[in-house]
Protein backbone atom coordinates (compact mmCIF):
# COMPACT_ATOMS: atom_id res chain seq x y z
CA MET A 1 12.21 6.79 6.76
CA LYS A 2 10.46 3.59 7.64
CA LYS A 3 11.08 0.74 5.23
CA LEU A 4 8.00 -1.17 4.13
CA PHE A 5 7.14 -4.82 3.73
CA THR A 6 10.18 -5.85 5.93
CA VAL A 7 8.17 -8.97 6.89
CA LEU A 8 9.06 -10.27 3.40
CA ASN A 9 12.93 -9.69 3.85
CA GLY A 10 14.99 -12.58 2.28
CA GLN A 11 12.49 -13.22 -0.38
CA THR A 12 12.12 -12.12 -4.02
CA VAL A 13 9.12 -9.77 -4.22
CA ARG A 14 7.25 -8.51 -7.18
CA LEU A 15 4.94 -5.43 -6.67
CA VAL A 16 2.04 -4.61 -9.00
CA VAL A 17 1.95 -0.81 -8.86
CA GLU A 18 -0.12 1.99 -10.15
CA THR A 19 1.76 5.17 -11.05
CA ASP A 20 0.44 8.59 -12.39
CA ASN A 21 1.01 7.42 -15.95
CA LEU A 22 0.71 3.63 -15.76
CA ARG A 23 -2.22 1.50 -14.42
CA ASN A 24 -0.30 -1.80 -14.00
CA GLY A 25 3.47 -1.88 -13.76
CA THR A 26 5.63 -4.31 -11.85
CA GLU A 27 8.77 -3.94 -9.70
CA THR A 28 10.61 -7.05 -8.90
CA PHE A 29 13.44 -6.92 -6.37
CA GLY A 30 15.19 -9.07 -3.67
CA CYS A 31 13.74 -7.78 -0.43
CA PHE A 32 16.62 -7.40 2.08
CA GLU A 33 15.96 -4.10 3.64
CA GLY A 34 12.24 -3.68 2.83
CA TYR A 35 10.77 -1.19 0.21
CA PRO A 36 11.82 2.39 0.53
CA TYR A 37 9.00 4.13 -1.45
CA LYS A 38 5.84 5.58 -0.17
CA ALA A 39 2.98 7.24 -1.92
CA GLY A 40 4.18 10.06 -4.06
CA SER A 41 7.68 8.79 -4.58
CA LYS A 42 9.32 8.82 -7.98
CA LEU A 43 9.83 5.37 -9.29
CA HIS A 44 12.35 4.58 -12.09
CA ASN A 45 12.01 2.03 -14.80
CA VAL A 46 8.81 0.40 -13.73
CA GLN A 47 8.20 -2.61 -15.94
CA PHE A 48 4.96 -3.10 -18.20
CA VAL A 49 3.93 -4.76 -21.34
CA ASP A 50 2.88 -2.36 -23.95
CA GLN A 51 0.08 -3.07 -26.58
CA PHE A 52 2.45 -4.96 -28.90
CA GLY A 53 3.68 -7.37 -26.28
CA ASN A 54 7.09 -5.54 -25.60
CA ASN A 55 8.55 -5.22 -22.16
CA MET A 56 9.01 -1.68 -21.49
CA GLY A 57 10.29 0.54 -18.60
CA ARG A 58 8.69 3.86 -17.53
CA ASP A 59 9.39 6.35 -14.73
CA GLY A 60 6.42 7.57 -12.71
CA ILE A 61 5.01 8.71 -9.38
CA LEU A 62 3.67 5.93 -6.98
CA GLU A 63 -0.06 6.11 -6.57
CA MET A 64 -0.60 2.78 -5.01
CA VAL A 65 0.75 -0.80 -4.62
CA LYS A 66 -1.99 -3.00 -6.02
CA GLU A 67 -0.59 -6.50 -5.32
CA ILE A 68 2.24 -7.94 -3.35
CA GLN A 69 3.59 -11.19 -4.65
CA ILE A 70 6.47 -13.58 -3.48
CA ILE A 71 8.33 -15.96 -5.62
CA ASN A 72 7.69 -19.73 -5.32
CA ASN A 73 11.22 -21.12 -5.06
CA HIS A 74 10.15 -24.58 -6.48
CA ASP A 75 8.87 -23.37 -9.92
CA GLY A 76 9.71 -19.71 -10.19
CA SER A 77 6.18 -18.57 -10.34
CA PHE A 78 4.82 -15.68 -8.19
CA LYS A 79 2.10 -16.21 -5.54
CA SER A 80 0.01 -13.21 -4.38
CA VAL A 81 0.25 -12.47 -0.55
CA LEU A 82 -1.99 -9.29 -0.57
CA LYS A 83 -4.09 -8.01 -3.44
CA ILE A 84 -6.07 -4.84 -3.49
CA ILE A 85 -9.26 -5.12 -5.59
CA ASP A 86 -10.82 -1.75 -4.81
CA VAL A 87 -10.37 1.42 -2.69
CA ASP A 88 -13.41 3.45 -1.82
CA TYR A 89 -13.59 6.70 0.19
CA VAL A 90 -16.73 7.35 2.23
CA GLU A 91 -16.35 11.04 2.85
CA GLU A 92 -19.28 11.42 5.22
CA VAL A 93 -17.57 9.13 7.88
CA MET A 94 -13.88 9.81 6.73
CA THR A 95 -13.20 6.02 6.20
CA PHE A 96 -11.62 4.11 3.37
CA VAL A 97 -13.19 0.75 2.48
CA VAL A 98 -10.54 -1.46 1.00
CA THR A 99 -11.72 -4.65 -0.80
CA LEU A 100 -9.11 -7.54 -0.96
CA GLU A 101 -8.99 -10.61 -2.97
CA ASN A 102 -11.67 -13.24 -1.95
CA ASN A 103 -14.16 -10.38 -1.14
CA ARG A 104 -12.53 -9.58 2.16
CA THR A 105 -12.98 -6.01 3.37
CA VAL A 106 -10.69 -3.78 5.58
CA GLN A 107 -11.77 -0.42 6.85
CA VAL A 108 -9.22 2.30 7.26
CA GLN A 109 -9.98 5.01 9.77
CA PHE A 110 -7.95 8.13 10.88
CA LYS A 111 -7.06 9.12 14.39
CA ARG A 112 -5.28 12.36 15.62
CA GLU A 113 -2.34 12.14 18.00
CA THR A 114 -3.26 14.14 21.06
CA ASN A 115 -0.47 13.47 23.35
CA ARG A 116 1.53 16.72 23.49
CA LEU A 117 4.60 14.73 24.55
CA HIS A 118 4.48 12.54 21.36
CA ALA A 119 6.72 13.50 18.35
CA ASP A 120 3.68 13.15 16.16
CA TYR A 121 1.43 15.44 18.17
CA ASN A 122 -1.61 16.88 16.12
CA THR A 123 -0.90 14.72 13.18
CA HIS A 124 -3.31 12.15 11.76
CA LEU A 125 -2.57 8.54 11.37
CA ALA A 126 -4.45 5.99 9.09
CA HIS A 127 -5.05 2.71 10.83
CA ILE A 128 -7.01 -0.46 10.45
CA ASP A 129 -10.43 -0.39 12.11
CA ARG A 130 -10.72 -3.82 13.69
CA CYS A 131 -14.30 -3.09 15.10
CA ASN A 132 -16.39 -2.42 11.99
CA VAL A 133 -19.43 -3.92 10.22
CA TYR A 134 -17.21 -5.76 7.77
CA GLY A 135 -15.45 -7.83 10.45
CA TYR A 136 -11.71 -8.44 10.69
CA ASP A 137 -9.92 -11.46 9.24
CA LEU A 138 -6.41 -10.64 8.38
CA SER A 139 -3.50 -12.85 9.49
CA LYS A 140 -0.64 -11.38 11.36
CA VAL A 141 1.51 -11.21 8.14
CA GLU A 142 -1.40 -9.76 6.06
CA GLU A 143 -1.98 -7.19 8.86
CA GLU A 144 1.60 -6.04 8.79
CA LEU A 145 1.72 -5.98 4.88
CA PHE A 146 -1.60 -3.97 4.97
CA ASN A 147 -0.36 -1.40 7.48
CA ASP A 148 2.78 -0.84 5.21
CA TRP A 149 0.35 -0.71 2.20
CA ILE A 150 -1.35 2.21 3.72
CA SER A 151 1.81 4.23 3.27
CA THR A 152 1.86 3.40 -0.46
CA CYS A 153 -1.75 4.44 -1.12
CA LYS A 154 -1.81 8.09 -2.37
CA ALA A 155 -5.48 8.63 -1.90
CA ILE A 156 -5.16 7.68 1.87
CA GLN A 157 -2.06 9.87 2.35
CA ASP A 158 -3.76 12.78 0.61
CA VAL A 159 -6.65 12.61 3.34
CA VAL A 160 -3.94 12.41 6.09
CA LYS A 161 -2.34 15.72 4.69
CA GLU A 162 -5.70 17.38 4.36
CA LEU A 163 -6.52 16.58 7.89
CA ASP A 164 -3.18 17.55 9.21
CA SER A 165 -3.45 20.86 7.41
CA GLN A 166 -6.60 21.72 9.51
CA TYR A 167 -4.41 21.82 12.64
CA GLU A 168 -1.50 23.91 11.35
């Protein structure tokens, strides 16, 4: 299985995640071999603060990573490197429109692998559409993080599964 967010290896990373039973939880870890969980993975002891201000842990199924943060070694605070504000699916054109922090927009399209010699023949892959009405302004690191983020978004992976089922 491909490890995600390996561009951040060697840093302390905090992910703000949404699970099936938690809107905003965090996972903090030293990123040495990437992040092994994709959409639908079972997460253990996701940290959150309850209504009384207590730190709690809860297990859940990963729905989406909402924000990727790295630690600032000078003061110990966390700095956001990729923050997802909104994810909208436009069914008529089978496209996800993802709004990032600072009102930047990324469009996610699906393509089918048609090369019979390729191991992923007849499967669909979600990818960034660089030629769209929103423009494209991701840095190289942001692009790599966003491509990995696609694997953590359950809504996108559900569409991939639905498209793949049409060719079984």
